[in-house]
Amino acid sequence: MKPIAAACVALLVACAAQPPVDNPSAPGAMRPDVDERREARALEQAESECAKQGKHAVSQRAEGETIYSCAD
């Protein structure tokens, strides 16, 4: 019984140490055109919101994310 338990623990530890598997079905994964469309859509929305305030959208990258804000 102990060898089976030891083997299970070893298998569990080996599986837990593996890097995550890339998920090609995740949104935007392995499809740069999807990311570009999202960025374009986000910019359009930011421009629209800022135009209501009489300003224009400004973007900046922080930790891999694009952040939009309004500027004069």
PDB file of N, CA and C in Angstrom:
ATOM      1  N   MET A   1       0.818  -1.195   0.000  1.00  0.00           N
ATOM      2  CA  MET A   1       0.000   0.000   0.000  1.00  0.00           C
ATOM      3  C   MET A   1       0.867   1.266   0.000  1.00  0.00           C
ATOM      4  N   LYS A   2       1.965   1.230   0.737  1.00  0.00           N
ATOM      5  CA  LYS A   2       2.831   2.408   0.799  1.00  0.00           C
ATOM      6  C   LYS A   2       3.446   2.741  -0.560  1.00  0.00           C
ATOM      7  N   PRO A   3       3.867   1.755  -1.363  1.00  0.00           N
ATOM      8  CA  PRO A   3       4.433   2.101  -2.672  1.00  0.00           C
ATOM      9  C   PRO A   3       3.396   2.778  -3.583  1.00  0.00           C
ATOM     10  N   ILE A   4       2.151   2.362  -3.495  1.00  0.00           N
ATOM     11  CA  ILE A   4       1.104   2.982  -4.315  1.00  0.00           C
ATOM     12  C   ILE A   4       0.882   4.428  -3.883  1.00  0.00           C
ATOM     13  N   ALA A   5       0.853   4.653  -2.571  1.00  0.00           N
ATOM     14  CA  ALA A   5       0.669   6.006  -2.060  1.00  0.00           C
ATOM     15  C   ALA A   5       1.844   6.899  -2.461  1.00  0.00           C
ATOM     16  N   ALA A   6       3.055   6.350  -2.378  1.00  0.00           N
ATOM     17  CA  ALA A   6       4.244   7.114  -2.762  1.00  0.00           C
ATOM     18  C   ALA A   6       4.212   7.441  -4.249  1.00  0.00           C
ATOM     19  N   ALA A   7       3.769   6.490  -5.062  1.00  0.00           N
ATOM     20  CA  ALA A   7       3.685   6.725  -6.503  1.00  0.00           C
ATOM     21  C   ALA A   7       2.639   7.796  -6.818  1.00  0.00           C
ATOM     22  N   CYS A   8       1.520   7.760  -6.113  1.00  0.00           N
ATOM     23  CA  CYS A   8       0.478   8.775  -6.321  1.00  0.00           C
ATOM     24  C   CYS A   8       0.976  10.157  -5.943  1.00  0.00           C
ATOM     25  N   VAL A   9       1.675  10.251  -4.828  1.00  0.00           N
ATOM     26  CA  VAL A   9       2.219  11.538  -4.397  1.00  0.00           C
ATOM     27  C   VAL A   9       3.249  12.034  -5.405  1.00  0.00           C
ATOM     28  N   ALA A  10       4.108  11.151  -5.882  1.00  0.00           N
ATOM     29  CA  ALA A  10       5.123  11.541  -6.864  1.00  0.00           C
ATOM     30  C   ALA A  10       4.472  12.014  -8.156  1.00  0.00           C
ATOM     31  N   LEU A  11       3.434  11.331  -8.584  1.00  0.00           N
ATOM     32  CA  LEU A  11       2.716  11.730  -9.797  1.00  0.00           C
ATOM     33  C   LEU A  11       2.037  13.089  -9.606  1.00  0.00           C
ATOM     34  N   LEU A  12       1.440  13.278  -8.461  1.00  0.00           N
ATOM     35  CA  LEU A  12       0.777  14.548  -8.168  1.00  0.00           C
ATOM     36  C   LEU A  12       1.773  15.704  -8.159  1.00  0.00           C
ATOM     37  N   VAL A  13       2.915  15.499  -7.544  1.00  0.00           N
ATOM     38  CA  VAL A  13       3.952  16.538  -7.495  1.00  0.00           C
ATOM     39  C   VAL A  13       4.486  16.820  -8.896  1.00  0.00           C
ATOM     40  N   ALA A  14       4.691  15.793  -9.695  1.00  0.00           N
ATOM     41  CA  ALA A  14       5.210  15.980 -11.055  1.00  0.00           C
ATOM     42  C   ALA A  14       4.218  16.740 -11.912  1.00  0.00           C
ATOM     43  N   CYS A  15       2.943  16.445 -11.773  1.00  0.00           N
ATOM     44  CA  CYS A  15       1.930  17.145 -12.568  1.00  0.00           C
ATOM     45  C   CYS A  15       1.764  18.592 -12.130  1.00  0.00           C
ATOM     46  N   ALA A  16       1.866  18.831 -10.847  1.00  0.00           N
ATOM     47  CA  ALA A  16       1.696  20.185 -10.327  1.00  0.00           C
ATOM     48  C   ALA A  16       2.853  21.087 -10.735  1.00  0.00           C
ATOM     49  N   ALA A  17       4.018  20.522 -10.987  1.00  0.00           N
ATOM     50  CA  ALA A  17       5.196  21.316 -11.329  1.00  0.00           C
ATOM     51  C   ALA A  17       5.255  21.680 -12.803  1.00  0.00           C
ATOM     52  N   GLN A  18       4.398  21.126 -13.628  1.00  0.00           N
ATOM     53  CA  GLN A  18       4.414  21.405 -15.056  1.00  0.00           C
ATOM     54  C   GLN A  18       3.888  22.802 -15.343  1.00  0.00           C
ATOM     55  N   PRO A  19       4.434  23.475 -16.361  1.00  0.00           N
ATOM     56  CA  PRO A  19       3.899  24.789 -16.732  1.00  0.00           C
ATOM     57  C   PRO A  19       2.489  24.622 -17.307  1.00  0.00           C
ATOM     58  N   PRO A  20       1.668  25.669 -17.231  1.00  0.00           N
ATOM     59  CA  PRO A  20       0.307  25.561 -17.757  1.00  0.00           C
ATOM     60  C   PRO A  20       0.324  25.316 -19.265  1.00  0.00           C
ATOM     61  N   VAL A  21      -0.627  24.569 -19.717  1.00  0.00           N
ATOM     62  CA  VAL A  21      -0.753  24.257 -21.137  1.00  0.00           C
ATOM     63  C   VAL A  21      -1.391  25.447 -21.836  1.00  0.00           C
ATOM     64  N   ASP A  22      -0.836  25.833 -22.978  1.00  0.00           N
ATOM     65  CA  ASP A  22      -1.436  26.921 -23.746  1.00  0.00           C
ATOM     66  C   ASP A  22      -2.818  26.486 -24.208  1.00  0.00           C
ATOM     67  N   ASN A  23      -3.755  27.383 -24.055  1.00  0.00           N
ATOM     68  CA  ASN A  23      -5.119  27.079 -24.446  1.00  0.00           C
ATOM     69  C   ASN A  23      -5.435  27.821 -25.734  1.00  0.00           C
ATOM     70  N   PRO A  24      -5.362  27.156 -26.882  1.00  0.00           N
ATOM     71  CA  PRO A  24      -5.604  27.843 -28.143  1.00  0.00           C
ATOM     72  C   PRO A  24      -7.037  28.303 -28.319  1.00  0.00           C
ATOM     73  N   SER A  25      -7.952  27.809 -27.489  1.00  0.00           N
ATOM     74  CA  SER A  25      -9.338  28.256 -27.609  1.00  0.00           C
ATOM     75  C   SER A  25      -9.640  29.453 -26.713  1.00  0.00           C
ATOM     76  N   ALA A  26      -8.672  29.894 -25.917  1.00  0.00           N
ATOM     77  CA  ALA A  26      -8.880  31.059 -25.070  1.00  0.00           C
ATOM     78  C   ALA A  26      -9.037  32.297 -25.943  1.00  0.00           C
ATOM     79  N   PRO A  27      -9.824  33.278 -25.485  1.00  0.00           N
ATOM     80  CA  PRO A  27     -10.037  34.477 -26.295  1.00  0.00           C
ATOM     81  C   PRO A  27      -8.724  35.164 -26.666  1.00  0.00           C
ATOM     82  N   GLY A  28      -8.487  35.316 -27.943  1.00  0.00           N
ATOM     83  CA  GLY A  28      -7.307  36.008 -28.432  1.00  0.00           C
ATOM     84  C   GLY A  28      -6.040  35.186 -28.480  1.00  0.00           C
ATOM     85  N   ALA A  29      -6.078  33.975 -27.963  1.00  0.00           N
ATOM     86  CA  ALA A  29      -4.878  33.153 -27.928  1.00  0.00           C
ATOM     87  C   ALA A  29      -4.465  32.758 -29.341  1.00  0.00           C
ATOM     88  N   MET A  30      -3.205  32.975 -29.631  1.00  0.00           N
ATOM     89  CA  MET A  30      -2.600  32.588 -30.904  1.00  0.00           C
ATOM     90  C   MET A  30      -3.293  33.245 -32.099  1.00  0.00           C
ATOM     91  N   ARG A  31      -4.013  34.355 -31.883  1.00  0.00           N
ATOM     92  CA  ARG A  31      -4.695  35.049 -32.970  1.00  0.00           C
ATOM     93  C   ARG A  31      -4.494  36.556 -32.782  1.00  0.00           C
ATOM     94  N   PRO A  32      -3.389  37.096 -33.286  1.00  0.00           N
ATOM     95  CA  PRO A  32      -3.114  38.516 -33.085  1.00  0.00           C
ATOM     96  C   PRO A  32      -4.172  39.425 -33.699  1.00  0.00           C
ATOM     97  N   ASP A  33      -4.860  38.968 -34.734  1.00  0.00           N
ATOM     98  CA  ASP A  33      -5.886  39.807 -35.351  1.00  0.00           C
ATOM     99  C   ASP A  33      -7.042  40.062 -34.389  1.00  0.00           C
ATOM    100  N   VAL A  34      -7.321  39.124 -33.506  1.00  0.00           N
ATOM    101  CA  VAL A  34      -8.372  39.310 -32.505  1.00  0.00           C
ATOM    102  C   VAL A  34      -7.968  40.414 -31.541  1.00  0.00           C
ATOM    103  N   ASP A  35      -6.710  40.391 -31.093  1.00  0.00           N
ATOM    104  CA  ASP A  35      -6.221  41.426 -30.188  1.00  0.00           C
ATOM    105  C   ASP A  35      -6.266  42.795 -30.845  1.00  0.00           C
ATOM    106  N   GLU A  36      -5.900  42.866 -32.118  1.00  0.00           N
ATOM    107  CA  GLU A  36      -5.921  44.144 -32.826  1.00  0.00           C
ATOM    108  C   GLU A  36      -7.347  44.684 -32.929  1.00  0.00           C
ATOM    109  N   ARG A  37      -8.309  43.806 -33.176  1.00  0.00           N
ATOM    110  CA  ARG A  37      -9.709  44.253 -33.259  1.00  0.00           C
ATOM    111  C   ARG A  37     -10.202  44.733 -31.908  1.00  0.00           C
ATOM    112  N   ARG A  38      -9.805  44.057 -30.844  1.00  0.00           N
ATOM    113  CA  ARG A  38     -10.199  44.492 -29.495  1.00  0.00           C
ATOM    114  C   ARG A  38      -9.620  45.865 -29.182  1.00  0.00           C
ATOM    115  N   GLU A  39      -8.349  46.044 -29.519  1.00  0.00           N
ATOM    116  CA  GLU A  39      -7.702  47.339 -29.282  1.00  0.00           C
ATOM    117  C   GLU A  39      -8.403  48.437 -30.062  1.00  0.00           C
ATOM    118  N   ALA A  40      -8.732  48.175 -31.322  1.00  0.00           N
ATOM    119  CA  ALA A  40      -9.400  49.172 -32.154  1.00  0.00           C
ATOM    120  C   ALA A  40     -10.778  49.506 -31.591  1.00  0.00           C
ATOM    121  N   ARG A  41     -11.498  48.491 -31.144  1.00  0.00           N
ATOM    122  CA  ARG A  41     -12.833  48.709 -30.574  1.00  0.00           C
ATOM    123  C   ARG A  41     -12.732  49.522 -29.277  1.00  0.00           C
ATOM    124  N   ALA A  42     -11.761  49.197 -28.435  1.00  0.00           N
ATOM    125  CA  ALA A  42     -11.572  49.924 -27.181  1.00  0.00           C
ATOM    126  C   ALA A  42     -11.200  51.383 -27.451  1.00  0.00           C
ATOM    127  N   LEU A  43     -10.364  51.618 -28.465  1.00  0.00           N
ATOM    128  CA  LEU A  43      -9.992  52.985 -28.808  1.00  0.00           C
ATOM    129  C   LEU A  43     -11.208  53.762 -29.313  1.00  0.00           C
ATOM    130  N   GLU A  44     -12.023  53.135 -30.134  1.00  0.00           N
ATOM    131  CA  GLU A  44     -13.231  53.795 -30.636  1.00  0.00           C
ATOM    132  C   GLU A  44     -14.159  54.172 -29.487  1.00  0.00           C
ATOM    133  N   GLN A  45     -14.334  53.267 -28.534  1.00  0.00           N
ATOM    134  CA  GLN A  45     -15.190  53.555 -27.389  1.00  0.00           C
ATOM    135  C   GLN A  45     -14.616  54.692 -26.545  1.00  0.00           C
ATOM    136  N   ALA A  46     -13.308  54.680 -26.336  1.00  0.00           N
ATOM    137  CA  ALA A  46     -12.671  55.734 -25.558  1.00  0.00           C
ATOM    138  C   ALA A  46     -12.804  57.074 -26.266  1.00  0.00           C
ATOM    139  N   GLU A  47     -12.590  57.089 -27.580  1.00  0.00           N
ATOM    140  CA  GLU A  47     -12.737  58.331 -28.345  1.00  0.00           C
ATOM    141  C   GLU A  47     -14.172  58.862 -28.245  1.00  0.00           C
ATOM    142  N   SER A  48     -15.133  57.969 -28.315  1.00  0.00           N
ATOM    143  CA  SER A  48     -16.532  58.363 -28.231  1.00  0.00           C
ATOM    144  C   SER A  48     -16.849  58.983 -26.868  1.00  0.00           C
ATOM    145  N   GLU A  49     -16.393  58.321 -25.809  1.00  0.00           N
ATOM    146  CA  GLU A  49     -16.644  58.839 -24.457  1.00  0.00           C
ATOM    147  C   GLU A  49     -15.939  60.181 -24.232  1.00  0.00           C
ATOM    148  N   CYS A  50     -14.718  60.299 -24.697  1.00  0.00           N
ATOM    149  CA  CYS A  50     -13.968  61.535 -24.514  1.00  0.00           C
ATOM    150  C   CYS A  50     -14.546  62.663 -25.365  1.00  0.00           C
ATOM    151  N   ALA A  51     -15.050  62.348 -26.543  1.00  0.00           N
ATOM    152  CA  ALA A  51     -15.649  63.363 -27.410  1.00  0.00           C
ATOM    153  C   ALA A  51     -16.868  64.000 -26.744  1.00  0.00           C
ATOM    154  N   LYS A  52     -17.592  63.230 -25.954  1.00  0.00           N
ATOM    155  CA  LYS A  52     -18.747  63.760 -25.235  1.00  0.00           C
ATOM    156  C   LYS A  52     -18.320  64.842 -24.245  1.00  0.00           C
ATOM    157  N   GLN A  53     -17.071  64.756 -23.773  1.00  0.00           N
ATOM    158  CA  GLN A  53     -16.534  65.725 -22.821  1.00  0.00           C
ATOM    159  C   GLN A  53     -15.731  66.819 -23.520  1.00  0.00           C
ATOM    160  N   GLY A  54     -15.662  66.760 -24.846  1.00  0.00           N
ATOM    161  CA  GLY A  54     -14.888  67.740 -25.595  1.00  0.00           C
ATOM    162  C   GLY A  54     -13.390  67.490 -25.521  1.00  0.00           C
ATOM    163  N   LYS A  55     -12.998  66.256 -25.285  1.00  0.00           N
ATOM    164  CA  LYS A  55     -11.585  65.893 -25.168  1.00  0.00           C
ATOM    165  C   LYS A  55     -11.265  64.795 -26.169  1.00  0.00           C
ATOM    166  N   HIS A  56     -10.009  64.331 -26.193  1.00  0.00           N
ATOM    167  CA  HIS A  56      -9.637  63.206 -27.053  1.00  0.00           C
ATOM    168  C   HIS A  56      -8.991  62.116 -26.200  1.00  0.00           C
ATOM    169  N   ALA A  57      -9.017  60.898 -26.699  1.00  0.00           N
ATOM    170  CA  ALA A  57      -8.498  59.749 -25.956  1.00  0.00           C
ATOM    171  C   ALA A  57      -6.984  59.664 -26.072  1.00  0.00           C
ATOM    172  N   VAL A  58      -6.369  59.304 -24.965  1.00  0.00           N
ATOM    173  CA  VAL A  58      -4.930  59.084 -24.903  1.00  0.00           C
ATOM    174  C   VAL A  58      -4.736  57.681 -24.338  1.00  0.00           C
ATOM    175  N   SER A  59      -3.838  56.926 -24.935  1.00  0.00           N
ATOM    176  CA  SER A  59      -3.604  55.560 -24.460  1.00  0.00           C
ATOM    177  C   SER A  59      -2.213  55.434 -23.865  1.00  0.00           C
ATOM    178  N   GLN A  60      -2.088  54.493 -22.938  1.00  0.00           N
ATOM    179  CA  GLN A  60      -0.785  54.159 -22.376  1.00  0.00           C
ATOM    180  C   GLN A  60      -0.794  52.685 -22.002  1.00  0.00           C
ATOM    181  N   ARG A  61       0.380  52.068 -22.038  1.00  0.00           N
ATOM    182  CA  ARG A  61       0.494  50.647 -21.707  1.00  0.00           C
ATOM    183  C   ARG A  61       0.997  50.509 -20.278  1.00  0.00           C
ATOM    184  N   ALA A  62       0.346  49.654 -19.510  1.00  0.00           N
ATOM    185  CA  ALA A  62       0.763  49.385 -18.137  1.00  0.00           C
ATOM    186  C   ALA A  62       0.558  47.904 -17.862  1.00  0.00           C
ATOM    187  N   GLU A  63       1.625  47.208 -17.553  1.00  0.00           N
ATOM    188  CA  GLU A  63       1.567  45.784 -17.235  1.00  0.00           C
ATOM    189  C   GLU A  63       0.873  44.972 -18.316  1.00  0.00           C
ATOM    190  N   GLY A  64       1.161  45.286 -19.578  1.00  0.00           N
ATOM    191  CA  GLY A  64       0.611  44.534 -20.683  1.00  0.00           C
ATOM    192  C   GLY A  64      -0.806  44.905 -21.068  1.00  0.00           C
ATOM    193  N   GLU A  65      -1.395  45.872 -20.402  1.00  0.00           N
ATOM    194  CA  GLU A  65      -2.756  46.317 -20.699  1.00  0.00           C
ATOM    195  C   GLU A  65      -2.711  47.735 -21.267  1.00  0.00           C
ATOM    196  N   THR A  66      -3.603  48.035 -22.177  1.00  0.00           N
ATOM    197  CA  THR A  66      -3.725  49.392 -22.704  1.00  0.00           C
ATOM    198  C   THR A  66      -4.791  50.112 -21.897  1.00  0.00           C
ATOM    199  N   ILE A  67      -4.425  51.274 -21.383  1.00  0.00           N
ATOM    200  CA  ILE A  67      -5.337  52.068 -20.582  1.00  0.00           C
ATOM    201  C   ILE A  67      -5.631  53.359 -21.341  1.00  0.00           C
ATOM    202  N   TYR A  68      -6.901  53.681 -21.465  1.00  0.00           N
ATOM    203  CA  TYR A  68      -7.319  54.898 -22.175  1.00  0.00           C
ATOM    204  C   TYR A  68      -7.804  55.918 -21.172  1.00  0.00           C
ATOM    205  N   SER A  69      -7.436  57.172 -21.416  1.00  0.00           N
ATOM    206  CA  SER A  69      -7.917  58.270 -20.594  1.00  0.00           C
ATOM    207  C   SER A  69      -8.176  59.450 -21.507  1.00  0.00           C
ATOM    208  N   CYS A  70      -8.915  60.421 -20.986  1.00  0.00           N
ATOM    209  CA  CYS A  70      -9.248  61.607 -21.772  1.00  0.00           C
ATOM    210  C   CYS A  70      -8.281  62.738 -21.458  1.00  0.00           C
ATOM    211  N   ALA A  71      -7.884  63.475 -22.481  1.00  0.00           N
ATOM    212  CA  ALA A  71      -6.984  64.610 -22.322  1.00  0.00           C
ATOM    213  C   ALA A  71      -7.506  65.765 -23.134  1.00  0.00           C
ATOM    214  N   ASP A  72      -7.153  66.968 -22.735  1.00  0.00           N
ATOM    215  CA  ASP A  72      -7.594  68.171 -23.474  1.00  0.00           C
ATOM    216  C   ASP A  72      -6.925  68.275 -24.801  1.00  0.00           C
TER     217      ASP A  72
END
